[in-house]
Structures are given as C-alpha cells and as structure tokens.
C-alpha cells in the first residue's frame, strides 16, 4: 500500500447543502469525516465544486457564476456568467483547480444556456477571480469535466454533446492568453487518470470498449473490448459504463452494465490488468450503482454511505 502525498487527493461531496472536503489517508476503511466544511452563499445552486490542498477555501460553479468562499462562509469573490442565461435546463457548468491551486478552470456551456452560439472555456486567478484567459469552443455541450495533464502542465476538458458524442480539448495558459487545441479523441470519454498522471483511461462513446491513452500524445496503450469479458456480458446486452478508473498503478476497475432478458438492470465491476488488458475477474465494490464508485489509485476506492459521506474501502 502506497500512502504518498500523490495518493492523498482532496475529495469533495455535497452533503446537506454543504461542500465537504476529505483527505483519505492511512489504511483504515470506513466512512470518512470531513476535514473542512464550506457553506455556499444562500440561494446558490452548486453544480460543481473543488477545494485546494490547503483546505483554505472552496470554489464552486452554479448555472450563473463561479464563486469562491472561505471556511467561515464569507464570499471572497464571484465571477458571473454574462449575458444572463435564457434556458434553464440541459446545461451544467464545471470548475477545477490547476494542480498548484493557482488557477481555476471553468467550462461554460453557454450555447445550451442561451448565452451565445458556442461554449466558452475560461481560466481565472484562483486568489482574486480575475480573468486570465478565455476561448470560444466549437461545441454545444450539456456538461464537461476537467482532467489535469501533469505531463505538460496543461488541462484537458471533456465535453458531452449528447447524441453528438464528446469533444476533448487541451488548454494551456500562455503569454497571449488561453491556447486551445481540439484533440482527435471525439469518440472517447475520459473517466480516470493513472496514479502517475501519465495514462488516461477512456471509454468509447458507443460503450463498446475501454482504451488507455498515453499522455500527452494520446498513443494507445491497450484496449479492452466487450468480447474480452467472455460470452456472459454479450448475452445480457452489456455495455462498458463511463465509470471506473485506476484501482492502483497496475489495476483498472471497469464496470459493465446492461439488462437481463426480463429487463432487469444490472452492473458488475471487473479488475483488469492495466498493462496488458487481461480480465482478472469480477470485483465487489459495495456500490449502490455503476457511478457510485471512485477509485483513488492507491488500492482503495470510495462509495457513498447512507449519510451522504464517502466510505473508503480496500482490496484486501
């Protein structure tokens, strides 16, 4: 069991309206207690949140703004999305901190929100909320998720466009602002980084396979298809779910979902060799659903307890 700082991410949950931050450390299983709790500003609907390593403040996105609050609940700054949205549903903003905690990356699904014809990607100064860079994107997305590309100091952004698939961008903040390139991974949905940050686990948009890509160039390292799991998944109309990740440096967790002949939904997690793609067997996660699973990369993973707080579990 490795318990280095790299394997101690700050995990967040929204519990009873509060942003709770946790530090999974040691090797004891069980429900985690918050290391810090932040109260959003009254009336704010939190759709995405992030907390830096020092637990000094919390950042969150609403449908209308990104906000920074202190531990005592004081609003430190607010950056409103302008113009005002004209559509209420079908769009979810996302924010994420850079690994050094100095910049806040913000995905704005402005097209679906009725703020314009395209989405926008912004980089803000995490201390002040000042705009450092902005780019218009050629997407009409419902939502997005950020992944830090630590191999090159960039940020990846995965945007879901519903039936139109996904788009993945790489962004860097340069001397002339936000520099963006669209990556040729439109059919792939990122779902997790390896512990060293050098490999990205992705699932085909059609949910037929999982593929590990090397960063930053995207070279294919391995692919696991539905056929690799044997005949049983095919008999139950299985799909590779957009869930899972790296259990540790050598092991992936992949989740299959589907329906039985009598239309009963099911899901099953599997351990997979992260180097050659061998299926190592079914894996019991104690999750309540296919998305109630967050591998931490150190041999442990999180599910959600009845209280709403995460429960840490280990592969023994």
C-alpha atoms as a PDB file:
ATOM      1  CA  UNK A   1       0.000   0.000   0.000  1.00  0.00           C
ATOM      2  CA  UNK A   2       1.402   3.341  -1.074  1.00  0.00           C
ATOM      3  CA  UNK A   3       0.418   6.324   1.058  1.00  0.00           C
ATOM      4  CA  UNK A   4       2.424   9.088  -0.572  1.00  0.00           C
ATOM      5  CA  UNK A   5       1.042  12.629  -0.907  1.00  0.00           C
ATOM      6  CA  UNK A   6       0.291  11.926  -4.571  1.00  0.00           C
ATOM      7  CA  UNK A   7      -2.247   9.368  -3.386  1.00  0.00           C
ATOM      8  CA  UNK A   8      -3.983  11.721  -0.973  1.00  0.00           C
ATOM      9  CA  UNK A   9      -6.350  13.765  -3.118  1.00  0.00           C
ATOM     10  CA  UNK A  10      -8.817  16.181  -1.611  1.00  0.00           C
ATOM     11  CA  UNK A  11     -12.188  14.584  -2.245  1.00  0.00           C
ATOM     12  CA  UNK A  12     -15.374  16.630  -2.133  1.00  0.00           C
ATOM     13  CA  UNK A  13     -19.043  15.813  -1.639  1.00  0.00           C
ATOM     14  CA  UNK A  14     -22.139  17.973  -1.414  1.00  0.00           C
ATOM     15  CA  UNK A  15     -23.859  16.838   1.793  1.00  0.00           C
ATOM     16  CA  UNK A  16     -26.955  18.558   3.191  1.00  0.00           C
ATOM     17  CA  UNK A  17     -26.192  21.635   1.117  1.00  0.00           C
ATOM     18  CA  UNK A  18     -22.584  21.964   2.349  1.00  0.00           C
ATOM     19  CA  UNK A  19     -19.353  21.364   0.441  1.00  0.00           C
ATOM     20  CA  UNK A  20     -17.441  18.764   2.444  1.00  0.00           C
ATOM     21  CA  UNK A  21     -13.735  18.140   1.813  1.00  0.00           C
ATOM     22  CA  UNK A  22     -11.990  14.903   2.836  1.00  0.00           C
ATOM     23  CA  UNK A  23      -8.410  13.638   2.977  1.00  0.00           C
ATOM     24  CA  UNK A  24      -8.306   9.850   2.537  1.00  0.00           C
ATOM     25  CA  UNK A  25      -5.148   8.845   4.437  1.00  0.00           C
ATOM     26  CA  UNK A  26      -3.786   5.772   6.181  1.00  0.00           C
ATOM     27  CA  UNK A  27      -5.162   2.307   5.566  1.00  0.00           C
ATOM     28  CA  UNK A  28      -8.302   2.251   7.702  1.00  0.00           C
ATOM     29  CA  UNK A  29     -11.580   1.557   5.921  1.00  0.00           C
ATOM     30  CA  UNK A  30     -14.865   3.190   6.835  1.00  0.00           C
ATOM     31  CA  UNK A  31     -16.833   6.402   6.479  1.00  0.00           C
ATOM     32  CA  UNK A  32     -14.688   9.500   6.073  1.00  0.00           C
ATOM     33  CA  UNK A  33     -15.127  12.573   8.237  1.00  0.00           C
ATOM     34  CA  UNK A  34     -14.829  15.971   6.583  1.00  0.00           C
ATOM     35  CA  UNK A  35     -11.514  17.742   7.100  1.00  0.00           C
ATOM     36  CA  UNK A  36     -13.251  21.004   6.175  1.00  0.00           C
ATOM     37  CA  UNK A  37     -16.823  22.119   5.537  1.00  0.00           C
ATOM     38  CA  UNK A  38     -17.857  25.125   3.447  1.00  0.00           C
ATOM     39  CA  UNK A  39     -21.280  26.708   3.174  1.00  0.00           C
ATOM     40  CA  UNK A  40     -22.267  28.093  -0.226  1.00  0.00           C
ATOM     41  CA  UNK A  41     -23.820  31.519  -0.410  1.00  0.00           C
ATOM     42  CA  UNK A  42     -27.545  31.391   0.345  1.00  0.00           C
ATOM     43  CA  UNK A  43     -29.541  30.766  -2.808  1.00  0.00           C
ATOM     44  CA  UNK A  44     -26.652  29.340  -4.827  1.00  0.00           C
ATOM     45  CA  UNK A  45     -27.287  26.005  -6.558  1.00  0.00           C
ATOM     46  CA  UNK A  46     -23.938  24.174  -6.586  1.00  0.00           C
ATOM     47  CA  UNK A  47     -23.400  22.059  -9.707  1.00  0.00           C
ATOM     48  CA  UNK A  48     -19.623  21.585  -9.456  1.00  0.00           C
ATOM     49  CA  UNK A  49     -17.080  22.177  -6.683  1.00  0.00           C
ATOM     50  CA  UNK A  50     -13.380  21.914  -5.877  1.00  0.00           C
ATOM     51  CA  UNK A  51     -11.195  22.519  -2.812  1.00  0.00           C
ATOM     52  CA  UNK A  52      -7.416  23.180  -2.786  1.00  0.00           C
ATOM     53  CA  UNK A  53      -4.894  21.073  -0.903  1.00  0.00           C
ATOM     54  CA  UNK A  54      -4.598  23.557   1.970  1.00  0.00           C
ATOM     55  CA  UNK A  55      -8.384  23.440   2.579  1.00  0.00           C
ATOM     56  CA  UNK A  56      -8.408  27.230   2.944  1.00  0.00           C
ATOM     57  CA  UNK A  57     -11.350  27.908   0.656  1.00  0.00           C
ATOM     58  CA  UNK A  58     -13.829  26.276  -1.692  1.00  0.00           C
ATOM     59  CA  UNK A  59     -14.721  27.055  -5.284  1.00  0.00           C
ATOM     60  CA  UNK A  60     -17.998  26.120  -6.896  1.00  0.00           C
ATOM     61  CA  UNK A  61     -19.968  26.658 -10.070  1.00  0.00           C
ATOM     62  CA  UNK A  62     -23.646  27.468 -10.305  1.00  0.00           C
ATOM     63  CA  UNK A  63     -25.702  27.783 -13.507  1.00  0.00           C
ATOM     64  CA  UNK A  64     -24.901  31.516 -13.417  1.00  0.00           C
ATOM     65  CA  UNK A  65     -21.432  32.029 -11.878  1.00  0.00           C
ATOM     66  CA  UNK A  66     -18.321  30.626 -10.249  1.00  0.00           C
ATOM     67  CA  UNK A  67     -17.833  31.546  -6.603  1.00  0.00           C
ATOM     68  CA  UNK A  68     -15.048  31.368  -4.014  1.00  0.00           C
ATOM     69  CA  UNK A  69     -15.924  31.118  -0.308  1.00  0.00           C
ATOM     70  CA  UNK A  70     -13.794  31.000   2.838  1.00  0.00           C
ATOM     71  CA  UNK A  71     -14.071  28.451   5.617  1.00  0.00           C
ATOM     72  CA  UNK A  72     -16.305  30.812   7.600  1.00  0.00           C
ATOM     73  CA  UNK A  73     -18.734  31.102   4.679  1.00  0.00           C
ATOM     74  CA  UNK A  74     -17.610  34.560   3.558  1.00  0.00           C
ATOM     75  CA  UNK A  75     -17.800  35.106  -0.201  1.00  0.00           C
ATOM     76  CA  UNK A  76     -14.299  36.061  -1.319  1.00  0.00           C
ATOM     77  CA  UNK A  77     -15.180  36.653  -4.961  1.00  0.00           C
ATOM     78  CA  UNK A  78     -17.816  35.889  -7.589  1.00  0.00           C
ATOM     79  CA  UNK A  79     -17.435  35.789 -11.363  1.00  0.00           C
ATOM     80  CA  UNK A  80     -20.850  35.967 -13.026  1.00  0.00           C
ATOM     81  CA  UNK A  81     -21.551  34.372 -16.405  1.00  0.00           C
ATOM     82  CA  UNK A  82     -22.720  37.049 -18.809  1.00  0.00           C
ATOM     83  CA  UNK A  83     -25.040  37.628 -20.525  1.00  0.00           C
ATOM     84  CA  UNK A  84     -27.805  36.068 -18.431  1.00  0.00           C
ATOM     85  CA  UNK A  85     -28.950  32.602 -19.477  1.00  0.00           C
ATOM     86  CA  UNK A  86     -32.194  32.257 -21.423  1.00  0.00           C
ATOM     87  CA  UNK A  87     -32.526  28.468 -20.944  1.00  0.00           C
ATOM     88  CA  UNK A  88     -32.885  26.798 -17.543  1.00  0.00           C
ATOM     89  CA  UNK A  89     -32.223  23.122 -18.274  1.00  0.00           C
ATOM     90  CA  UNK A  90     -29.782  20.878 -20.076  1.00  0.00           C
ATOM     91  CA  UNK A  91     -26.544  22.622 -19.147  1.00  0.00           C
ATOM     92  CA  UNK A  92     -24.094  22.118 -16.256  1.00  0.00           C
ATOM     93  CA  UNK A  93     -21.021  24.302 -15.716  1.00  0.00           C
ATOM     94  CA  UNK A  94     -17.821  22.768 -14.350  1.00  0.00           C
ATOM     95  CA  UNK A  95     -14.817  24.156 -12.465  1.00  0.00           C
ATOM     96  CA  UNK A  96     -11.486  22.618 -11.475  1.00  0.00           C
ATOM     97  CA  UNK A  97      -8.259  23.833  -9.921  1.00  0.00           C
ATOM     98  CA  UNK A  98      -4.866  23.510 -11.529  1.00  0.00           C
ATOM     99  CA  UNK A  99      -2.566  21.115  -9.613  1.00  0.00           C
ATOM    100  CA  UNK A 100      -0.741  24.049  -7.985  1.00  0.00           C
ATOM    101  CA  UNK A 101      -4.039  25.625  -6.887  1.00  0.00           C
ATOM    102  CA  UNK A 102      -3.263  28.967  -8.528  1.00  0.00           C
ATOM    103  CA  UNK A 103      -5.747  28.867 -11.393  1.00  0.00           C
ATOM    104  CA  UNK A 104      -9.392  27.943 -11.676  1.00  0.00           C
ATOM    105  CA  UNK A 105     -10.509  26.425 -14.969  1.00  0.00           C
ATOM    106  CA  UNK A 106     -14.152  26.966 -15.854  1.00  0.00           C
ATOM    107  CA  UNK A 107     -16.264  25.303 -18.539  1.00  0.00           C
ATOM    108  CA  UNK A 108     -19.300  27.365 -19.525  1.00  0.00           C
ATOM    109  CA  UNK A 109     -21.986  25.537 -21.578  1.00  0.00           C
ATOM    110  CA  UNK A 110     -23.137  28.870 -22.970  1.00  0.00           C
ATOM    111  CA  UNK A 111     -24.781  27.540 -26.133  1.00  0.00           C
ATOM    112  CA  UNK A 112     -27.252  25.317 -24.273  1.00  0.00           C
ATOM    113  CA  UNK A 113     -27.793  28.093 -21.709  1.00  0.00           C
ATOM    114  CA  UNK A 114     -28.772  30.515 -24.472  1.00  0.00           C
ATOM    115  CA  UNK A 115     -25.823  32.851 -23.891  1.00  0.00           C
ATOM    116  CA  UNK A 116     -24.473  32.525 -27.413  1.00  0.00           C
ATOM    117  CA  UNK A 117     -23.787  30.130 -30.261  1.00  0.00           C
ATOM    118  CA  UNK A 118     -20.789  28.350 -28.709  1.00  0.00           C
ATOM    119  CA  UNK A 119     -19.435  27.199 -25.378  1.00  0.00           C
ATOM    120  CA  UNK A 120     -16.626  29.015 -23.572  1.00  0.00           C
ATOM    121  CA  UNK A 121     -13.599  27.959 -21.567  1.00  0.00           C
ATOM    122  CA  UNK A 122     -12.071  30.360 -19.056  1.00  0.00           C
ATOM    123  CA  UNK A 123      -9.077  30.471 -16.736  1.00  0.00           C
ATOM    124  CA  UNK A 124      -9.372  32.622 -13.607  1.00  0.00           C
ATOM    125  CA  UNK A 125      -6.886  33.692 -10.958  1.00  0.00           C
ATOM    126  CA  UNK A 126      -7.892  31.458  -8.041  1.00  0.00           C
ATOM    127  CA  UNK A 127      -6.975  34.131  -5.490  1.00  0.00           C
ATOM    128  CA  UNK A 128      -8.941  37.008  -6.986  1.00  0.00           C
ATOM    129  CA  UNK A 129     -11.254  35.654  -9.685  1.00  0.00           C
ATOM    130  CA  UNK A 130      -9.602  37.853 -12.310  1.00  0.00           C
ATOM    131  CA  UNK A 131      -9.912  36.568 -15.872  1.00  0.00           C
ATOM    132  CA  UNK A 132      -6.569  35.293 -17.206  1.00  0.00           C
ATOM    133  CA  UNK A 133      -7.713  33.718 -20.454  1.00  0.00           C
ATOM    134  CA  UNK A 134     -10.818  32.831 -22.431  1.00  0.00           C
ATOM    135  CA  UNK A 135     -11.557  30.796 -25.553  1.00  0.00           C
ATOM    136  CA  UNK A 136     -14.679  30.136 -27.605  1.00  0.00           C
ATOM    137  CA  UNK A 137     -15.159  26.444 -28.372  1.00  0.00           C
ATOM    138  CA  UNK A 138     -16.912  24.818 -31.325  1.00  0.00           C
ATOM    139  CA  UNK A 139     -19.239  22.749 -29.143  1.00  0.00           C
ATOM    140  CA  UNK A 140     -22.830  22.832 -27.945  1.00  0.00           C
ATOM    141  CA  UNK A 141     -22.337  20.813 -24.762  1.00  0.00           C
ATOM    142  CA  UNK A 142     -24.558  19.748 -21.917  1.00  0.00           C
ATOM    143  CA  UNK A 143     -21.667  19.498 -19.459  1.00  0.00           C
ATOM    144  CA  UNK A 144     -17.949  18.989 -19.155  1.00  0.00           C
ATOM    145  CA  UNK A 145     -15.230  17.591 -16.912  1.00  0.00           C
ATOM    146  CA  UNK A 146     -11.619  18.662 -16.368  1.00  0.00           C
ATOM    147  CA  UNK A 147      -8.527  16.441 -16.124  1.00  0.00           C
ATOM    148  CA  UNK A 148      -5.090  17.832 -15.277  1.00  0.00           C
ATOM    149  CA  UNK A 149      -2.429  16.740 -17.787  1.00  0.00           C
ATOM    150  CA  UNK A 150       0.545  16.819 -15.428  1.00  0.00           C
ATOM    151  CA  UNK A 151       2.924  15.636 -18.156  1.00  0.00           C
ATOM    152  CA  UNK A 152       2.791  19.026 -19.864  1.00  0.00           C
ATOM    153  CA  UNK A 153       1.227  21.424 -17.401  1.00  0.00           C
ATOM    154  CA  UNK A 154      -1.987  21.589 -19.400  1.00  0.00           C
ATOM    155  CA  UNK A 155      -5.644  20.950 -18.646  1.00  0.00           C
ATOM    156  CA  UNK A 156      -7.888  18.563 -20.554  1.00  0.00           C
ATOM    157  CA  UNK A 157     -11.594  19.274 -20.967  1.00  0.00           C
ATOM    158  CA  UNK A 158     -14.089  16.586 -21.957  1.00  0.00           C
ATOM    159  CA  UNK A 159     -17.417  17.984 -23.217  1.00  0.00           C
ATOM    160  CA  UNK A 160     -20.513  15.846 -23.665  1.00  0.00           C
ATOM    161  CA  UNK A 161     -22.796  16.785 -26.539  1.00  0.00           C
ATOM    162  CA  UNK A 162     -25.427  14.105 -26.021  1.00  0.00           C
ATOM    163  CA  UNK A 163     -26.084  12.024 -29.125  1.00  0.00           C
ATOM    164  CA  UNK A 164     -23.442  14.036 -30.981  1.00  0.00           C
ATOM    165  CA  UNK A 165     -20.740  12.426 -28.847  1.00  0.00           C
ATOM    166  CA  UNK A 166     -17.898  14.058 -26.987  1.00  0.00           C
ATOM    167  CA  UNK A 167     -15.121  16.535 -27.664  1.00  0.00           C
ATOM    168  CA  UNK A 168     -11.795  16.662 -25.819  1.00  0.00           C
ATOM    169  CA  UNK A 169      -9.664  19.813 -25.694  1.00  0.00           C
ATOM    170  CA  UNK A 170      -6.224  20.578 -24.298  1.00  0.00           C
ATOM    171  CA  UNK A 171      -5.695  24.074 -22.926  1.00  0.00           C
ATOM    172  CA  UNK A 172      -2.610  25.994 -21.828  1.00  0.00           C
ATOM    173  CA  UNK A 173      -2.364  29.474 -20.462  1.00  0.00           C
ATOM    174  CA  UNK A 174       0.329  31.248 -22.490  1.00  0.00           C
ATOM    175  CA  UNK A 175       1.574  34.791 -22.750  1.00  0.00           C
ATOM    176  CA  UNK A 176      -1.191  35.574 -25.229  1.00  0.00           C
ATOM    177  CA  UNK A 177      -3.993  34.033 -23.190  1.00  0.00           C
ATOM    178  CA  UNK A 178      -5.687  30.650 -23.320  1.00  0.00           C
ATOM    179  CA  UNK A 179      -4.290  28.459 -26.099  1.00  0.00           C
ATOM    180  CA  UNK A 180      -6.623  25.602 -27.068  1.00  0.00           C
ATOM    181  CA  UNK A 181      -6.360  22.579 -29.337  1.00  0.00           C
ATOM    182  CA  UNK A 182      -9.085  20.044 -30.049  1.00  0.00           C
ATOM    183  CA  UNK A 183      -7.763  16.509 -29.682  1.00  0.00           C
ATOM    184  CA  UNK A 184      -8.637  13.667 -32.087  1.00  0.00           C
ATOM    185  CA  UNK A 185     -10.453  11.703 -29.377  1.00  0.00           C
ATOM    186  CA  UNK A 186     -14.026  12.649 -30.226  1.00  0.00           C
ATOM    187  CA  UNK A 187     -15.217   9.077 -29.786  1.00  0.00           C
ATOM    188  CA  UNK A 188     -13.624   8.664 -26.351  1.00  0.00           C
ATOM    189  CA  UNK A 189     -14.898   9.738 -22.911  1.00  0.00           C
ATOM    190  CA  UNK A 190     -12.134  10.151 -20.289  1.00  0.00           C
ATOM    191  CA  UNK A 191     -13.011   8.502 -16.973  1.00  0.00           C
ATOM    192  CA  UNK A 192      -9.761   8.412 -14.989  1.00  0.00           C
ATOM    193  CA  UNK A 193      -6.051   9.159 -14.763  1.00  0.00           C
ATOM    194  CA  UNK A 194      -3.379   6.715 -13.670  1.00  0.00           C
ATOM    195  CA  UNK A 195      -1.695   7.445 -10.297  1.00  0.00           C
ATOM    196  CA  UNK A 196       1.346   8.935 -12.050  1.00  0.00           C
ATOM    197  CA  UNK A 197      -0.866  11.068 -14.301  1.00  0.00           C
ATOM    198  CA  UNK A 198       0.709   9.678 -17.474  1.00  0.00           C
ATOM    199  CA  UNK A 199      -2.157   7.490 -18.729  1.00  0.00           C
ATOM    200  CA  UNK A 200      -5.773   8.388 -19.368  1.00  0.00           C
ATOM    201  CA  UNK A 201      -8.484   5.741 -19.173  1.00  0.00           C
ATOM    202  CA  UNK A 202     -11.247   6.354 -21.709  1.00  0.00           C
ATOM    203  CA  UNK A 203     -14.468   4.611 -22.751  1.00  0.00           C
ATOM    204  CA  UNK A 204     -15.794   4.598 -26.288  1.00  0.00           C
ATOM    205  CA  UNK A 205     -18.828   6.876 -26.708  1.00  0.00           C
ATOM    206  CA  UNK A 206     -20.734   3.870 -28.051  1.00  0.00           C
ATOM    207  CA  UNK A 207     -19.669   1.979 -24.898  1.00  0.00           C
ATOM    208  CA  UNK A 208     -18.090  -0.917 -26.789  1.00  0.00           C
ATOM    209  CA  UNK A 209     -14.581  -0.727 -25.302  1.00  0.00           C
ATOM    210  CA  UNK A 210     -12.206   0.899 -22.835  1.00  0.00           C
ATOM    211  CA  UNK A 211      -8.862   2.257 -24.035  1.00  0.00           C
ATOM    212  CA  UNK A 212      -5.850   3.618 -22.158  1.00  0.00           C
ATOM    213  CA  UNK A 213      -4.091   6.529 -23.864  1.00  0.00           C
ATOM    214  CA  UNK A 214      -0.600   7.797 -23.068  1.00  0.00           C
ATOM    215  CA  UNK A 215      -0.280  11.487 -22.256  1.00  0.00           C
ATOM    216  CA  UNK A 216       0.402  13.899 -23.755  1.00  0.00           C
ATOM    217  CA  UNK A 217       0.423  12.382 -27.269  1.00  0.00           C
ATOM    218  CA  UNK A 218      -2.605  10.070 -26.949  1.00  0.00           C
ATOM    219  CA  UNK A 219      -0.816   6.928 -28.101  1.00  0.00           C
ATOM    220  CA  UNK A 220      -2.988   3.844 -27.467  1.00  0.00           C
ATOM    221  CA  UNK A 221      -1.528   1.683 -24.697  1.00  0.00           C
ATOM    222  CA  UNK A 222      -4.205  -1.001 -24.528  1.00  0.00           C
ATOM    223  CA  UNK A 223      -7.835  -1.630 -25.454  1.00  0.00           C
ATOM    224  CA  UNK A 224     -10.342  -3.873 -23.691  1.00  0.00           C
ATOM    225  CA  UNK A 225     -13.472  -4.794 -25.664  1.00  0.00           C
ATOM    226  CA  UNK A 226     -16.745  -6.371 -24.568  1.00  0.00           C
ATOM    227  CA  UNK A 227     -15.638  -9.609 -26.210  1.00  0.00           C
ATOM    228  CA  UNK A 228     -12.687  -9.808 -23.790  1.00  0.00           C
ATOM    229  CA  UNK A 229     -15.126 -10.362 -20.912  1.00  0.00           C
ATOM    230  CA  UNK A 230     -16.450 -13.607 -22.416  1.00  0.00           C
ATOM    231  CA  UNK A 231     -19.914 -14.639 -23.530  1.00  0.00           C
ATOM    232  CA  UNK A 232     -21.932 -13.757 -20.426  1.00  0.00           C
ATOM    233  CA  UNK A 233     -21.923  -9.954 -20.858  1.00  0.00           C
ATOM    234  CA  UNK A 234     -22.986 -10.282 -24.504  1.00  0.00           C
ATOM    235  CA  UNK A 235     -25.944 -12.431 -23.512  1.00  0.00           C
ATOM    236  CA  UNK A 236     -27.167  -9.629 -21.253  1.00  0.00           C
ATOM    237  CA  UNK A 237     -26.751  -6.785 -23.783  1.00  0.00           C
ATOM    238  CA  UNK A 238     -23.797  -5.366 -21.870  1.00  0.00           C
ATOM    239  CA  UNK A 239     -22.096  -2.014 -22.312  1.00  0.00           C
ATOM    240  CA  UNK A 240     -18.864  -0.638 -20.903  1.00  0.00           C
ATOM    241  CA  UNK A 241     -20.050   2.050 -18.497  1.00  0.00           C
ATOM    242  CA  UNK A 242     -18.487   5.503 -18.216  1.00  0.00           C
ATOM    243  CA  UNK A 243     -17.390   4.612 -14.703  1.00  0.00           C
ATOM    244  CA  UNK A 244     -14.307   3.176 -13.024  1.00  0.00           C
ATOM    245  CA  UNK A 245     -10.653   4.147 -13.092  1.00  0.00           C
ATOM    246  CA  UNK A 246      -7.308   3.003 -11.706  1.00  0.00           C
ATOM    247  CA  UNK A 247      -7.550   0.926  -8.538  1.00  0.00           C
ATOM    248  CA  UNK A 248      -3.757   1.208  -8.392  1.00  0.00           C
ATOM    249  CA  UNK A 249      -0.873   1.624 -10.843  1.00  0.00           C
ATOM    250  CA  UNK A 250      -1.273  -1.945 -12.094  1.00  0.00           C
ATOM    251  CA  UNK A 251      -5.029  -2.474 -11.976  1.00  0.00           C
ATOM    252  CA  UNK A 252      -8.023  -0.908 -13.679  1.00  0.00           C
ATOM    253  CA  UNK A 253     -11.596  -1.087 -12.458  1.00  0.00           C
ATOM    254  CA  UNK A 254     -14.068  -1.322 -15.328  1.00  0.00           C
ATOM    255  CA  UNK A 255     -17.832  -1.522 -14.977  1.00  0.00           C
ATOM    256  CA  UNK A 256     -20.238  -3.305 -17.300  1.00  0.00           C
ATOM    257  CA  UNK A 257     -23.949  -2.520 -17.295  1.00  0.00           C
ATOM    258  CA  UNK A 258     -26.941  -3.941 -19.098  1.00  0.00           C
ATOM    259  CA  UNK A 259     -30.353  -5.532 -18.893  1.00  0.00           C
ATOM    260  CA  UNK A 260     -31.367  -9.153 -18.483  1.00  0.00           C
ATOM    261  CA  UNK A 261     -33.949 -10.827 -20.722  1.00  0.00           C
ATOM    262  CA  UNK A 262     -36.689  -9.770 -18.286  1.00  0.00           C
ATOM    263  CA  UNK A 263     -35.464  -6.129 -18.467  1.00  0.00           C
ATOM    264  CA  UNK A 264     -33.783  -6.076 -15.064  1.00  0.00           C
ATOM    265  CA  UNK A 265     -30.882  -3.611 -14.954  1.00  0.00           C
ATOM    266  CA  UNK A 266     -27.550  -4.885 -13.635  1.00  0.00           C
ATOM    267  CA  UNK A 267     -23.955  -3.755 -13.250  1.00  0.00           C
ATOM    268  CA  UNK A 268     -20.725  -5.565 -12.450  1.00  0.00           C
ATOM    269  CA  UNK A 269     -17.205  -4.271 -11.787  1.00  0.00           C
ATOM    270  CA  UNK A 270     -14.111  -6.113 -13.030  1.00  0.00           C
ATOM    271  CA  UNK A 271     -10.425  -5.947 -12.205  1.00  0.00           C
ATOM    272  CA  UNK A 272      -8.311  -5.565 -15.351  1.00  0.00           C
ATOM    273  CA  UNK A 273      -4.535  -5.644 -15.729  1.00  0.00           C
ATOM    274  CA  UNK A 274      -3.506  -2.068 -16.522  1.00  0.00           C
ATOM    275  CA  UNK A 275      -0.529  -3.187 -18.642  1.00  0.00           C
ATOM    276  CA  UNK A 276      -1.869  -5.914 -20.905  1.00  0.00           C
ATOM    277  CA  UNK A 277      -5.659  -5.673 -20.528  1.00  0.00           C
ATOM    278  CA  UNK A 278      -6.193  -9.166 -19.088  1.00  0.00           C
ATOM    279  CA  UNK A 279      -9.509  -9.566 -17.279  1.00  0.00           C
ATOM    280  CA  UNK A 280      -8.565 -10.542 -13.721  1.00  0.00           C
ATOM    281  CA  UNK A 281     -12.079 -11.305 -12.539  1.00  0.00           C
ATOM    282  CA  UNK A 282     -15.240  -9.837 -11.096  1.00  0.00           C
ATOM    283  CA  UNK A 283     -14.809  -7.349  -8.277  1.00  0.00           C
ATOM    284  CA  UNK A 284     -17.178  -6.488  -5.438  1.00  0.00           C
ATOM    285  CA  UNK A 285     -17.275  -2.731  -4.851  1.00  0.00           C
ATOM    286  CA  UNK A 286     -20.307  -2.478  -2.494  1.00  0.00           C
ATOM    287  CA  UNK A 287     -21.513   0.390  -4.709  1.00  0.00           C
ATOM    288  CA  UNK A 288     -25.212   1.202  -4.917  1.00  0.00           C
ATOM    289  CA  UNK A 289     -24.978   1.871  -8.656  1.00  0.00           C
ATOM    290  CA  UNK A 290     -22.477   1.951 -11.519  1.00  0.00           C
ATOM    291  CA  UNK A 291     -21.482   5.556 -10.780  1.00  0.00           C
ATOM    292  CA  UNK A 292     -21.167   5.156  -7.016  1.00  0.00           C
ATOM    293  CA  UNK A 293     -17.503   4.284  -7.416  1.00  0.00           C
ATOM    294  CA  UNK A 294     -14.391   6.467  -7.141  1.00  0.00           C
ATOM    295  CA  UNK A 295     -11.039   4.628  -7.300  1.00  0.00           C
ATOM    296  CA  UNK A 296      -8.265   6.559  -5.558  1.00  0.00           C
ATOM    297  CA  UNK A 297      -5.314   4.886  -7.286  1.00  0.00           C
ATOM    298  CA  UNK A 298      -3.751   3.547  -4.072  1.00  0.00           C
ATOM    299  CA  UNK A 299      -5.650   0.273  -3.792  1.00  0.00           C
ATOM    300  CA  UNK A 300      -8.709   1.888  -2.230  1.00  0.00           C
ATOM    301  CA  UNK A 301     -11.937   3.319  -3.581  1.00  0.00           C
ATOM    302  CA  UNK A 302     -14.914   5.322  -2.373  1.00  0.00           C
ATOM    303  CA  UNK A 303     -18.609   4.610  -2.363  1.00  0.00           C
ATOM    304  CA  UNK A 304     -21.350   6.671  -0.701  1.00  0.00           C
ATOM    305  CA  UNK A 305     -22.735   5.892   2.737  1.00  0.00           C
ATOM    306  CA  UNK A 306     -26.330   6.425   3.925  1.00  0.00           C
ATOM    307  CA  UNK A 307     -25.272   9.783   5.428  1.00  0.00           C
ATOM    308  CA  UNK A 308     -24.054  11.058   2.077  1.00  0.00           C
ATOM    309  CA  UNK A 309     -20.405  10.992   3.205  1.00  0.00           C
ATOM    310  CA  UNK A 310     -17.945   8.764   1.308  1.00  0.00           C
ATOM    311  CA  UNK A 311     -16.981   5.329   2.562  1.00  0.00           C
ATOM    312  CA  UNK A 312     -13.418   4.188   1.894  1.00  0.00           C
ATOM    313  CA  UNK A 313     -12.872   0.537   1.006  1.00  0.00           C
ATOM    314  CA  UNK A 314      -9.764  -1.532   0.319  1.00  0.00           C
ATOM    315  CA  UNK A 315      -8.888  -4.530  -1.803  1.00  0.00           C
ATOM    316  CA  UNK A 316      -7.630  -6.982   0.803  1.00  0.00           C
END
